[in-house]
């Protein structure tokens, strides 16, 4: 028993880079304990145990999910298998904590969300910036009117190499069926668009694919309307130079630029000014705050984690943007 609340038993399904990253962060958080983990890949299991030597690797996902000690099922396998494990968790009466996207087929994901609603299954989806200080401060200032009128937003991502080097063991990310940076990265900023500005409608998009139709998009240009605010989305990959990940909200009084996942710059007309530097490593801070919010969700307390319904809305935008 933690001094600040009971520990929640977590079953980890999928031990690729995201699963192992979650294990690293949960292992240092006093509100969680692992009931076990499962992945069909022996090397992935070995890497996970190297991170957490006491982690029990089980012989199958279903047994682990149904274990009485499991309170929440964290699903970090490739998207094509998200629903399968979520359905097992629903049947077992467990809470579902899923990586995004819910899936790659919108109708299939809509059925999953309907099942969660019908069964009153507690659910959240892991959009990484949901609990970050940069987003919290931006949301606070928008609600207070500190940015003035939001006149537009720009989302820009560029990757010199996709998948990135640290994603080498997630080969599925380079294929159009489940991968690509629109699903993997732009989706985070589409979630922020709807959270900060309101429901978004796709006006039009132009994805560019490689000669091999099985591979991911290399470029994408899209326009959305978010509650009357025009949002331009620009994505690209290839070529020399640093990666770029940013979303700029342009206000009549002040503009906010969310960049490099957890960082924030602002401008009231002059040069961009870095904010939140007093909090040190905002990446580590963001992971800690995210898990604090997950614990609050499991405790039945107020939290900022997005729901499966929120993720379905993002998935609809993503799949429409990627359609030929």
C-alpha atoms as a PDB file:
ATOM      1  CA  UNK A   1       0.000   0.000   0.000  1.00  0.00           C
ATOM      2  CA  UNK A   2       1.388   3.398  -1.056  1.00  0.00           C
ATOM      3  CA  UNK A   3       1.422   6.213   1.485  1.00  0.00           C
ATOM      4  CA  UNK A   4      -0.659   8.284  -0.938  1.00  0.00           C
ATOM      5  CA  UNK A   5      -2.993   5.589  -2.259  1.00  0.00           C
ATOM      6  CA  UNK A   6      -3.156   1.945  -3.186  1.00  0.00           C
ATOM      7  CA  UNK A   7      -1.046   0.542  -5.975  1.00  0.00           C
ATOM      8  CA  UNK A   8      -2.825  -0.467  -9.176  1.00  0.00           C
ATOM      9  CA  UNK A   9      -1.966  -3.797 -10.789  1.00  0.00           C
ATOM     10  CA  UNK A  10      -0.899  -3.335 -14.421  1.00  0.00           C
ATOM     11  CA  UNK A  11      -0.774  -6.005 -17.121  1.00  0.00           C
ATOM     12  CA  UNK A  12       1.487  -4.908 -19.993  1.00  0.00           C
ATOM     13  CA  UNK A  13       0.557  -6.259 -23.426  1.00  0.00           C
ATOM     14  CA  UNK A  14       3.268  -5.508 -26.000  1.00  0.00           C
ATOM     15  CA  UNK A  15       6.935  -5.024 -25.149  1.00  0.00           C
ATOM     16  CA  UNK A  16       8.180  -2.971 -28.067  1.00  0.00           C
ATOM     17  CA  UNK A  17       9.641   0.493 -27.552  1.00  0.00           C
ATOM     18  CA  UNK A  18       6.419   1.972 -26.109  1.00  0.00           C
ATOM     19  CA  UNK A  19       5.800  -0.949 -23.757  1.00  0.00           C
ATOM     20  CA  UNK A  20       9.369  -0.854 -22.474  1.00  0.00           C
ATOM     21  CA  UNK A  21       9.228   2.915 -22.063  1.00  0.00           C
ATOM     22  CA  UNK A  22       6.060   2.603 -20.005  1.00  0.00           C
ATOM     23  CA  UNK A  23       7.646  -0.087 -17.849  1.00  0.00           C
ATOM     24  CA  UNK A  24      10.625   2.201 -17.186  1.00  0.00           C
ATOM     25  CA  UNK A  25       8.378   5.056 -16.084  1.00  0.00           C
ATOM     26  CA  UNK A  26       5.852   2.999 -14.123  1.00  0.00           C
ATOM     27  CA  UNK A  27       8.633   1.182 -12.269  1.00  0.00           C
ATOM     28  CA  UNK A  28       9.679   4.485 -10.686  1.00  0.00           C
ATOM     29  CA  UNK A  29       6.102   5.581  -9.855  1.00  0.00           C
ATOM     30  CA  UNK A  30       4.732   4.508  -6.486  1.00  0.00           C
ATOM     31  CA  UNK A  31       1.110   4.049  -7.630  1.00  0.00           C
ATOM     32  CA  UNK A  32       1.696   1.074  -9.941  1.00  0.00           C
ATOM     33  CA  UNK A  33       2.873  -2.525  -9.735  1.00  0.00           C
ATOM     34  CA  UNK A  34       3.195  -5.016 -12.576  1.00  0.00           C
ATOM     35  CA  UNK A  35       1.117  -8.179 -12.545  1.00  0.00           C
ATOM     36  CA  UNK A  36       3.052  -9.372 -15.580  1.00  0.00           C
ATOM     37  CA  UNK A  37       3.772  -8.740 -19.238  1.00  0.00           C
ATOM     38  CA  UNK A  38       3.395 -10.532 -22.548  1.00  0.00           C
ATOM     39  CA  UNK A  39       4.757 -10.234 -26.066  1.00  0.00           C
ATOM     40  CA  UNK A  40       5.140 -12.916 -28.758  1.00  0.00           C
ATOM     41  CA  UNK A  41       8.731 -11.749 -29.373  1.00  0.00           C
ATOM     42  CA  UNK A  42      11.334 -13.408 -27.141  1.00  0.00           C
ATOM     43  CA  UNK A  43      13.939 -10.641 -27.718  1.00  0.00           C
ATOM     44  CA  UNK A  44      11.372  -7.980 -26.720  1.00  0.00           C
ATOM     45  CA  UNK A  45      10.639  -9.914 -23.528  1.00  0.00           C
ATOM     46  CA  UNK A  46      14.354 -10.184 -22.750  1.00  0.00           C
ATOM     47  CA  UNK A  47      14.808  -6.426 -23.194  1.00  0.00           C
ATOM     48  CA  UNK A  48      11.857  -5.734 -20.895  1.00  0.00           C
ATOM     49  CA  UNK A  49      13.238  -7.990 -18.160  1.00  0.00           C
ATOM     50  CA  UNK A  50      16.591  -6.221 -18.482  1.00  0.00           C
ATOM     51  CA  UNK A  51      14.751  -3.015 -17.543  1.00  0.00           C
ATOM     52  CA  UNK A  52      12.664  -4.573 -14.762  1.00  0.00           C
ATOM     53  CA  UNK A  53      14.286  -7.823 -13.511  1.00  0.00           C
ATOM     54  CA  UNK A  54      11.269  -8.717 -11.375  1.00  0.00           C
ATOM     55  CA  UNK A  55       8.855  -8.456 -14.310  1.00  0.00           C
ATOM     56  CA  UNK A  56       6.999 -11.742 -14.853  1.00  0.00           C
ATOM     57  CA  UNK A  57       6.656 -12.752 -18.512  1.00  0.00           C
ATOM     58  CA  UNK A  58       3.523 -14.844 -18.959  1.00  0.00           C
ATOM     59  CA  UNK A  59       2.774 -17.527 -21.514  1.00  0.00           C
ATOM     60  CA  UNK A  60      -0.236 -15.730 -22.972  1.00  0.00           C
ATOM     61  CA  UNK A  61      -2.113 -12.450 -22.933  1.00  0.00           C
ATOM     62  CA  UNK A  62      -5.529 -13.723 -21.864  1.00  0.00           C
ATOM     63  CA  UNK A  63      -4.363 -15.399 -18.652  1.00  0.00           C
ATOM     64  CA  UNK A  64      -2.513 -12.250 -17.628  1.00  0.00           C
ATOM     65  CA  UNK A  65      -5.455  -9.977 -18.411  1.00  0.00           C
ATOM     66  CA  UNK A  66      -7.880 -12.167 -16.446  1.00  0.00           C
ATOM     67  CA  UNK A  67      -5.577 -12.429 -13.433  1.00  0.00           C
ATOM     68  CA  UNK A  68      -7.410 -11.229 -10.298  1.00  0.00           C
ATOM     69  CA  UNK A  69      -4.369  -9.085  -9.445  1.00  0.00           C
ATOM     70  CA  UNK A  70      -4.731  -7.097 -12.693  1.00  0.00           C
ATOM     71  CA  UNK A  71      -6.661  -3.825 -12.375  1.00  0.00           C
ATOM     72  CA  UNK A  72      -5.761  -2.208 -15.687  1.00  0.00           C
ATOM     73  CA  UNK A  73      -4.542  -3.545 -19.023  1.00  0.00           C
ATOM     74  CA  UNK A  74      -1.959  -1.375 -20.764  1.00  0.00           C
ATOM     75  CA  UNK A  75      -2.024  -2.201 -24.506  1.00  0.00           C
ATOM     76  CA  UNK A  76       1.132  -1.283 -26.419  1.00  0.00           C
ATOM     77  CA  UNK A  77       1.189  -3.804 -29.272  1.00  0.00           C
ATOM     78  CA  UNK A  78       0.816  -2.698 -32.935  1.00  0.00           C
ATOM     79  CA  UNK A  79      -2.630  -1.162 -33.677  1.00  0.00           C
ATOM     80  CA  UNK A  80      -4.041  -4.150 -35.570  1.00  0.00           C
ATOM     81  CA  UNK A  81      -4.222  -6.075 -32.276  1.00  0.00           C
ATOM     82  CA  UNK A  82      -5.491  -3.305 -30.000  1.00  0.00           C
ATOM     83  CA  UNK A  83      -9.135  -4.313 -30.238  1.00  0.00           C
ATOM     84  CA  UNK A  84      -8.445  -7.999 -29.603  1.00  0.00           C
ATOM     85  CA  UNK A  85      -6.765  -7.329 -26.273  1.00  0.00           C
ATOM     86  CA  UNK A  86      -9.199  -4.551 -25.340  1.00  0.00           C
ATOM     87  CA  UNK A  87     -12.114  -6.939 -25.889  1.00  0.00           C
ATOM     88  CA  UNK A  88     -10.461  -9.494 -23.599  1.00  0.00           C
ATOM     89  CA  UNK A  89     -10.055  -6.791 -20.958  1.00  0.00           C
ATOM     90  CA  UNK A  90     -13.689  -5.738 -21.332  1.00  0.00           C
ATOM     91  CA  UNK A  91     -14.860  -9.341 -20.907  1.00  0.00           C
ATOM     92  CA  UNK A  92     -12.678  -9.668 -17.797  1.00  0.00           C
ATOM     93  CA  UNK A  93     -14.026  -6.457 -16.275  1.00  0.00           C
ATOM     94  CA  UNK A  94     -10.657  -4.661 -16.407  1.00  0.00           C
ATOM     95  CA  UNK A  95      -9.896  -1.003 -17.112  1.00  0.00           C
ATOM     96  CA  UNK A  96      -8.269  -0.323 -20.497  1.00  0.00           C
ATOM     97  CA  UNK A  97      -5.238   1.949 -21.019  1.00  0.00           C
ATOM     98  CA  UNK A  98      -4.438   1.850 -24.737  1.00  0.00           C
ATOM     99  CA  UNK A  99      -1.769   3.342 -26.952  1.00  0.00           C
ATOM    100  CA  UNK A 100      -3.074   5.305 -29.896  1.00  0.00           C
ATOM    101  CA  UNK A 101      -4.492   4.736 -32.406  1.00  0.00           C
ATOM    102  CA  UNK A 102      -7.337   2.518 -31.278  1.00  0.00           C
ATOM    103  CA  UNK A 103      -6.913   0.746 -34.614  1.00  0.00           C
ATOM    104  CA  UNK A 104      -6.632   1.473 -38.323  1.00  0.00           C
ATOM    105  CA  UNK A 105     -10.202   0.607 -39.374  1.00  0.00           C
ATOM    106  CA  UNK A 106     -12.623   3.326 -38.285  1.00  0.00           C
ATOM    107  CA  UNK A 107     -15.722   1.103 -38.239  1.00  0.00           C
ATOM    108  CA  UNK A 108     -13.891  -1.510 -36.165  1.00  0.00           C
ATOM    109  CA  UNK A 109     -12.734   1.109 -33.662  1.00  0.00           C
ATOM    110  CA  UNK A 110     -16.232   2.597 -33.486  1.00  0.00           C
ATOM    111  CA  UNK A 111     -17.551  -0.840 -32.524  1.00  0.00           C
ATOM    112  CA  UNK A 112     -14.891  -1.077 -29.800  1.00  0.00           C
ATOM    113  CA  UNK A 113     -15.849   2.312 -28.366  1.00  0.00           C
ATOM    114  CA  UNK A 114     -19.515   1.283 -28.425  1.00  0.00           C
ATOM    115  CA  UNK A 115     -18.615  -1.900 -26.500  1.00  0.00           C
ATOM    116  CA  UNK A 116     -16.734   0.123 -23.891  1.00  0.00           C
ATOM    117  CA  UNK A 117     -19.703   2.452 -23.521  1.00  0.00           C
ATOM    118  CA  UNK A 118     -22.232  -0.389 -23.259  1.00  0.00           C
ATOM    119  CA  UNK A 119     -20.165  -2.189 -20.616  1.00  0.00           C
ATOM    120  CA  UNK A 120     -19.130   0.989 -18.758  1.00  0.00           C
ATOM    121  CA  UNK A 121     -15.495  -0.066 -19.145  1.00  0.00           C
ATOM    122  CA  UNK A 122     -13.121   2.605 -17.778  1.00  0.00           C
ATOM    123  CA  UNK A 123     -10.834   3.631 -20.630  1.00  0.00           C
ATOM    124  CA  UNK A 124      -8.112   6.099 -21.565  1.00  0.00           C
ATOM    125  CA  UNK A 125      -5.725   6.470 -24.499  1.00  0.00           C
ATOM    126  CA  UNK A 126      -2.086   7.488 -24.212  1.00  0.00           C
ATOM    127  CA  UNK A 127      -1.684  10.738 -26.108  1.00  0.00           C
ATOM    128  CA  UNK A 128       1.707  11.712 -24.688  1.00  0.00           C
ATOM    129  CA  UNK A 129       1.153  15.449 -24.182  1.00  0.00           C
ATOM    130  CA  UNK A 130      -2.196  15.161 -22.411  1.00  0.00           C
ATOM    131  CA  UNK A 131      -0.738  16.012 -18.990  1.00  0.00           C
ATOM    132  CA  UNK A 132       2.215  18.171 -20.013  1.00  0.00           C
ATOM    133  CA  UNK A 133       2.818  21.575 -18.450  1.00  0.00           C
ATOM    134  CA  UNK A 134       3.025  23.182 -21.902  1.00  0.00           C
ATOM    135  CA  UNK A 135      -0.468  21.996 -22.817  1.00  0.00           C
ATOM    136  CA  UNK A 136      -1.887  22.787 -19.375  1.00  0.00           C
ATOM    137  CA  UNK A 137      -0.566  26.359 -19.496  1.00  0.00           C
ATOM    138  CA  UNK A 138      -1.754  26.831 -23.070  1.00  0.00           C
ATOM    139  CA  UNK A 139      -5.238  25.553 -22.201  1.00  0.00           C
ATOM    140  CA  UNK A 140      -5.374  27.779 -19.110  1.00  0.00           C
ATOM    141  CA  UNK A 141      -4.410  30.887 -21.094  1.00  0.00           C
ATOM    142  CA  UNK A 142      -6.857  30.157 -23.910  1.00  0.00           C
ATOM    143  CA  UNK A 143      -9.707  29.797 -21.407  1.00  0.00           C
ATOM    144  CA  UNK A 144      -8.641  33.037 -19.688  1.00  0.00           C
ATOM    145  CA  UNK A 145      -8.555  34.880 -23.024  1.00  0.00           C
ATOM    146  CA  UNK A 146      -4.832  35.629 -22.699  1.00  0.00           C
ATOM    147  CA  UNK A 147      -4.152  34.727 -26.341  1.00  0.00           C
ATOM    148  CA  UNK A 148      -6.967  36.926 -27.573  1.00  0.00           C
ATOM    149  CA  UNK A 149      -8.818  35.587 -30.605  1.00  0.00           C
ATOM    150  CA  UNK A 150      -7.267  32.412 -32.023  1.00  0.00           C
ATOM    151  CA  UNK A 151      -6.975  33.270 -35.715  1.00  0.00           C
ATOM    152  CA  UNK A 152      -5.261  30.109 -36.928  1.00  0.00           C
ATOM    153  CA  UNK A 153      -3.040  27.166 -36.136  1.00  0.00           C
ATOM    154  CA  UNK A 154      -0.184  25.399 -37.924  1.00  0.00           C
ATOM    155  CA  UNK A 155       1.022  21.849 -37.322  1.00  0.00           C
ATOM    156  CA  UNK A 156       4.397  20.992 -38.862  1.00  0.00           C
ATOM    157  CA  UNK A 157       6.346  17.763 -38.631  1.00  0.00           C
ATOM    158  CA  UNK A 158       9.406  16.676 -40.584  1.00  0.00           C
ATOM    159  CA  UNK A 159      11.521  13.545 -40.233  1.00  0.00           C
ATOM    160  CA  UNK A 160      14.777  13.082 -42.088  1.00  0.00           C
ATOM    161  CA  UNK A 161      14.300   9.348 -41.541  1.00  0.00           C
ATOM    162  CA  UNK A 162      11.117   7.370 -40.906  1.00  0.00           C
ATOM    163  CA  UNK A 163      10.851   5.282 -38.849  1.00  0.00           C
ATOM    164  CA  UNK A 164      13.362   7.025 -36.611  1.00  0.00           C
ATOM    165  CA  UNK A 165      16.444   5.094 -35.528  1.00  0.00           C
ATOM    166  CA  UNK A 166      15.070   4.385 -32.052  1.00  0.00           C
ATOM    167  CA  UNK A 167      11.993   2.780 -33.667  1.00  0.00           C
ATOM    168  CA  UNK A 168      14.074   0.202 -35.568  1.00  0.00           C
ATOM    169  CA  UNK A 169      12.381  -2.779 -33.896  1.00  0.00           C
ATOM    170  CA  UNK A 170       8.915  -1.485 -34.883  1.00  0.00           C
ATOM    171  CA  UNK A 171       9.211  -2.326 -38.567  1.00  0.00           C
ATOM    172  CA  UNK A 172       5.442  -2.025 -39.028  1.00  0.00           C
ATOM    173  CA  UNK A 173       5.787   1.773 -38.766  1.00  0.00           C
ATOM    174  CA  UNK A 174       7.108   1.984 -42.322  1.00  0.00           C
ATOM    175  CA  UNK A 175       4.083   0.291 -43.856  1.00  0.00           C
ATOM    176  CA  UNK A 176       0.929   2.006 -44.980  1.00  0.00           C
ATOM    177  CA  UNK A 177      -1.335  -0.630 -43.417  1.00  0.00           C
ATOM    178  CA  UNK A 178      -0.692   0.414 -39.805  1.00  0.00           C
ATOM    179  CA  UNK A 179       2.202   2.866 -39.784  1.00  0.00           C
ATOM    180  CA  UNK A 180       3.358   6.226 -41.086  1.00  0.00           C
ATOM    181  CA  UNK A 181       4.004   9.425 -39.180  1.00  0.00           C
ATOM    182  CA  UNK A 182       0.485  10.797 -39.698  1.00  0.00           C
ATOM    183  CA  UNK A 183      -0.923   8.055 -37.475  1.00  0.00           C
ATOM    184  CA  UNK A 184       2.070   7.942 -35.157  1.00  0.00           C
ATOM    185  CA  UNK A 185       2.917  11.640 -34.652  1.00  0.00           C
ATOM    186  CA  UNK A 186       0.404  13.990 -36.287  1.00  0.00           C
ATOM    187  CA  UNK A 187      -2.374  12.233 -34.387  1.00  0.00           C
ATOM    188  CA  UNK A 188      -1.035  13.698 -31.121  1.00  0.00           C
ATOM    189  CA  UNK A 189      -1.465  17.211 -32.480  1.00  0.00           C
ATOM    190  CA  UNK A 190      -4.887  16.477 -33.927  1.00  0.00           C
ATOM    191  CA  UNK A 191      -5.889  15.446 -30.406  1.00  0.00           C
ATOM    192  CA  UNK A 192      -4.521  18.759 -29.092  1.00  0.00           C
ATOM    193  CA  UNK A 193      -6.375  20.617 -31.841  1.00  0.00           C
ATOM    194  CA  UNK A 194      -9.709  19.226 -30.692  1.00  0.00           C
ATOM    195  CA  UNK A 195      -8.881  19.618 -27.016  1.00  0.00           C
ATOM    196  CA  UNK A 196      -7.737  23.231 -27.288  1.00  0.00           C
ATOM    197  CA  UNK A 197      -9.931  24.531 -30.111  1.00  0.00           C
ATOM    198  CA  UNK A 198     -12.929  22.230 -30.340  1.00  0.00           C
ATOM    199  CA  UNK A 199     -14.251  19.638 -32.813  1.00  0.00           C
ATOM    200  CA  UNK A 200     -12.340  19.583 -36.095  1.00  0.00           C
ATOM    201  CA  UNK A 201     -13.612  18.955 -39.618  1.00  0.00           C
ATOM    202  CA  UNK A 202     -11.331  17.950 -42.468  1.00  0.00           C
ATOM    203  CA  UNK A 203     -11.670  20.384 -45.357  1.00  0.00           C
ATOM    204  CA  UNK A 204      -9.186  18.645 -47.657  1.00  0.00           C
ATOM    205  CA  UNK A 205      -5.911  16.734 -47.767  1.00  0.00           C
ATOM    206  CA  UNK A 206      -3.172  15.665 -50.183  1.00  0.00           C
ATOM    207  CA  UNK A 207      -1.111  12.659 -49.079  1.00  0.00           C
ATOM    208  CA  UNK A 208       1.892  11.621 -51.193  1.00  0.00           C
ATOM    209  CA  UNK A 209       2.850   7.955 -51.189  1.00  0.00           C
ATOM    210  CA  UNK A 210       5.921   6.080 -52.361  1.00  0.00           C
ATOM    211  CA  UNK A 211       6.133   4.029 -55.558  1.00  0.00           C
ATOM    212  CA  UNK A 212       5.697   0.906 -53.454  1.00  0.00           C
ATOM    213  CA  UNK A 213       1.999   1.096 -52.430  1.00  0.00           C
ATOM    214  CA  UNK A 214       2.711  -0.911 -49.279  1.00  0.00           C
ATOM    215  CA  UNK A 215       4.865   1.859 -47.767  1.00  0.00           C
ATOM    216  CA  UNK A 216       3.976   4.895 -45.648  1.00  0.00           C
ATOM    217  CA  UNK A 217       3.232   8.451 -46.802  1.00  0.00           C
ATOM    218  CA  UNK A 218       6.238  10.719 -47.446  1.00  0.00           C
ATOM    219  CA  UNK A 219       4.330  14.013 -47.513  1.00  0.00           C
ATOM    220  CA  UNK A 220       0.920  15.262 -46.466  1.00  0.00           C
ATOM    221  CA  UNK A 221      -0.810  18.623 -46.614  1.00  0.00           C
ATOM    222  CA  UNK A 222      -4.221  19.151 -45.044  1.00  0.00           C
ATOM    223  CA  UNK A 223      -6.595  21.860 -43.897  1.00  0.00           C
ATOM    224  CA  UNK A 224      -9.056  21.513 -41.050  1.00  0.00           C
ATOM    225  CA  UNK A 225     -11.673  23.747 -39.501  1.00  0.00           C
ATOM    226  CA  UNK A 226     -11.623  23.524 -35.711  1.00  0.00           C
ATOM    227  CA  UNK A 227     -14.650  25.332 -34.345  1.00  0.00           C
ATOM    228  CA  UNK A 228     -14.148  28.071 -36.925  1.00  0.00           C
ATOM    229  CA  UNK A 229     -10.344  28.224 -36.624  1.00  0.00           C
ATOM    230  CA  UNK A 230      -8.377  27.261 -39.773  1.00  0.00           C
ATOM    231  CA  UNK A 231      -5.700  24.645 -39.052  1.00  0.00           C
ATOM    232  CA  UNK A 232      -2.975  23.870 -41.598  1.00  0.00           C
ATOM    233  CA  UNK A 233      -1.194  20.505 -41.311  1.00  0.00           C
ATOM    234  CA  UNK A 234       2.124  19.925 -43.079  1.00  0.00           C
ATOM    235  CA  UNK A 235       4.088  16.699 -42.836  1.00  0.00           C
ATOM    236  CA  UNK A 236       7.186  15.484 -44.707  1.00  0.00           C
ATOM    237  CA  UNK A 237      10.048  13.023 -44.506  1.00  0.00           C
ATOM    238  CA  UNK A 238      13.413  12.558 -46.176  1.00  0.00           C
ATOM    239  CA  UNK A 239      16.408  14.797 -46.828  1.00  0.00           C
ATOM    240  CA  UNK A 240      19.175  16.025 -44.558  1.00  0.00           C
ATOM    241  CA  UNK A 241      18.583  18.150 -41.500  1.00  0.00           C
ATOM    242  CA  UNK A 242      17.058  18.047 -38.022  1.00  0.00           C
ATOM    243  CA  UNK A 243      13.591  16.704 -37.321  1.00  0.00           C
ATOM    244  CA  UNK A 244      10.848  19.222 -36.608  1.00  0.00           C
ATOM    245  CA  UNK A 245       7.754  18.710 -34.445  1.00  0.00           C
ATOM    246  CA  UNK A 246       5.627  21.716 -33.554  1.00  0.00           C
ATOM    247  CA  UNK A 247       2.154  23.197 -33.299  1.00  0.00           C
ATOM    248  CA  UNK A 248       1.638  26.957 -33.334  1.00  0.00           C
ATOM    249  CA  UNK A 249      -1.560  28.572 -32.073  1.00  0.00           C
ATOM    250  CA  UNK A 250      -1.722  32.123 -33.403  1.00  0.00           C
ATOM    251  CA  UNK A 251      -3.650  34.530 -31.202  1.00  0.00           C
ATOM    252  CA  UNK A 252      -4.433  38.203 -31.717  1.00  0.00           C
ATOM    253  CA  UNK A 253      -2.653  39.047 -28.427  1.00  0.00           C
ATOM    254  CA  UNK A 254      -0.236  36.170 -27.916  1.00  0.00           C
ATOM    255  CA  UNK A 255       0.839  33.061 -29.802  1.00  0.00           C
ATOM    256  CA  UNK A 256       1.908  29.703 -28.348  1.00  0.00           C
ATOM    257  CA  UNK A 257       4.242  27.226 -30.014  1.00  0.00           C
ATOM    258  CA  UNK A 258       4.255  23.680 -28.599  1.00  0.00           C
ATOM    259  CA  UNK A 259       7.459  22.087 -29.852  1.00  0.00           C
ATOM    260  CA  UNK A 260       9.590  18.985 -29.360  1.00  0.00           C
ATOM    261  CA  UNK A 261       6.684  17.320 -27.523  1.00  0.00           C
ATOM    262  CA  UNK A 262       6.923  19.004 -24.114  1.00  0.00           C
ATOM    263  CA  UNK A 263       8.437  22.438 -24.770  1.00  0.00           C
ATOM    264  CA  UNK A 264       6.671  25.795 -25.082  1.00  0.00           C
ATOM    265  CA  UNK A 265       7.614  29.074 -26.734  1.00  0.00           C
ATOM    266  CA  UNK A 266       5.430  32.179 -26.747  1.00  0.00           C
ATOM    267  CA  UNK A 267       5.400  35.521 -28.527  1.00  0.00           C
ATOM    268  CA  UNK A 268       3.422  38.721 -28.058  1.00  0.00           C
ATOM    269  CA  UNK A 269       4.842  40.149 -31.273  1.00  0.00           C
ATOM    270  CA  UNK A 270       8.581  39.855 -30.706  1.00  0.00           C
ATOM    271  CA  UNK A 271      10.956  36.925 -30.835  1.00  0.00           C
ATOM    272  CA  UNK A 272       9.838  33.570 -29.519  1.00  0.00           C
ATOM    273  CA  UNK A 273      10.489  33.221 -25.775  1.00  0.00           C
ATOM    274  CA  UNK A 274      11.086  29.863 -24.112  1.00  0.00           C
ATOM    275  CA  UNK A 275       8.779  29.164 -21.172  1.00  0.00           C
ATOM    276  CA  UNK A 276       8.726  26.631 -18.310  1.00  0.00           C
ATOM    277  CA  UNK A 277      12.527  26.368 -18.091  1.00  0.00           C
ATOM    278  CA  UNK A 278      12.257  26.498 -14.293  1.00  0.00           C
ATOM    279  CA  UNK A 279      10.891  22.931 -14.343  1.00  0.00           C
ATOM    280  CA  UNK A 280      14.073  21.393 -15.729  1.00  0.00           C
ATOM    281  CA  UNK A 281      13.657  18.242 -17.818  1.00  0.00           C
ATOM    282  CA  UNK A 282      10.140  18.726 -19.190  1.00  0.00           C
ATOM    283  CA  UNK A 283      10.194  15.306 -20.847  1.00  0.00           C
ATOM    284  CA  UNK A 284      10.732  13.469 -17.548  1.00  0.00           C
ATOM    285  CA  UNK A 285       8.289  15.853 -15.886  1.00  0.00           C
ATOM    286  CA  UNK A 286       5.716  15.100 -18.586  1.00  0.00           C
ATOM    287  CA  UNK A 287       5.970  11.330 -18.101  1.00  0.00           C
ATOM    288  CA  UNK A 288       5.557  11.738 -14.327  1.00  0.00           C
ATOM    289  CA  UNK A 289       2.546  14.026 -14.710  1.00  0.00           C
ATOM    290  CA  UNK A 290       0.985  11.620 -17.214  1.00  0.00           C
ATOM    291  CA  UNK A 291       1.214   8.724 -14.781  1.00  0.00           C
ATOM    292  CA  UNK A 292      -0.101  10.918 -11.960  1.00  0.00           C
ATOM    293  CA  UNK A 293      -3.150  11.511 -14.155  1.00  0.00           C
ATOM    294  CA  UNK A 294      -3.482   7.797 -14.945  1.00  0.00           C
ATOM    295  CA  UNK A 295      -3.452   7.050 -11.213  1.00  0.00           C
ATOM    296  CA  UNK A 296      -6.118   9.709 -10.634  1.00  0.00           C
ATOM    297  CA  UNK A 297      -8.258   8.085 -13.343  1.00  0.00           C
ATOM    298  CA  UNK A 298      -7.952   4.675 -11.685  1.00  0.00           C
ATOM    299  CA  UNK A 299      -8.779   6.270  -8.334  1.00  0.00           C
ATOM    300  CA  UNK A 300     -11.979   7.694  -9.814  1.00  0.00           C
ATOM    301  CA  UNK A 301     -10.705  11.253  -9.401  1.00  0.00           C
ATOM    302  CA  UNK A 302     -10.566  14.157 -11.916  1.00  0.00           C
ATOM    303  CA  UNK A 303      -7.912  13.696 -14.608  1.00  0.00           C
ATOM    304  CA  UNK A 304      -6.972  15.002 -18.056  1.00  0.00           C
ATOM    305  CA  UNK A 305      -6.400  11.725 -19.913  1.00  0.00           C
ATOM    306  CA  UNK A 306      -8.270  11.406 -23.240  1.00  0.00           C
ATOM    307  CA  UNK A 307     -10.910   8.721 -23.632  1.00  0.00           C
ATOM    308  CA  UNK A 308     -11.345   6.116 -26.353  1.00  0.00           C
ATOM    309  CA  UNK A 309     -14.118   8.344 -27.711  1.00  0.00           C
ATOM    310  CA  UNK A 310     -11.589  11.184 -28.063  1.00  0.00           C
ATOM    311  CA  UNK A 311      -9.159   8.816 -29.803  1.00  0.00           C
ATOM    312  CA  UNK A 312     -11.854   7.651 -32.221  1.00  0.00           C
ATOM    313  CA  UNK A 313     -12.475  11.261 -33.254  1.00  0.00           C
ATOM    314  CA  UNK A 314      -8.745  11.657 -33.962  1.00  0.00           C
ATOM    315  CA  UNK A 315      -8.641   8.359 -35.855  1.00  0.00           C
ATOM    316  CA  UNK A 316     -11.473   9.479 -38.116  1.00  0.00           C
ATOM    317  CA  UNK A 317      -9.502  12.623 -39.024  1.00  0.00           C
ATOM    318  CA  UNK A 318      -6.270  10.673 -39.591  1.00  0.00           C
ATOM    319  CA  UNK A 319      -7.792   8.014 -41.826  1.00  0.00           C
ATOM    320  CA  UNK A 320      -9.659  10.643 -43.850  1.00  0.00           C
ATOM    321  CA  UNK A 321      -6.416  12.589 -44.318  1.00  0.00           C
ATOM    322  CA  UNK A 322      -4.592   9.467 -45.521  1.00  0.00           C
ATOM    323  CA  UNK A 323      -7.280   8.396 -47.987  1.00  0.00           C
ATOM    324  CA  UNK A 324      -6.333   8.670 -51.663  1.00  0.00           C
END
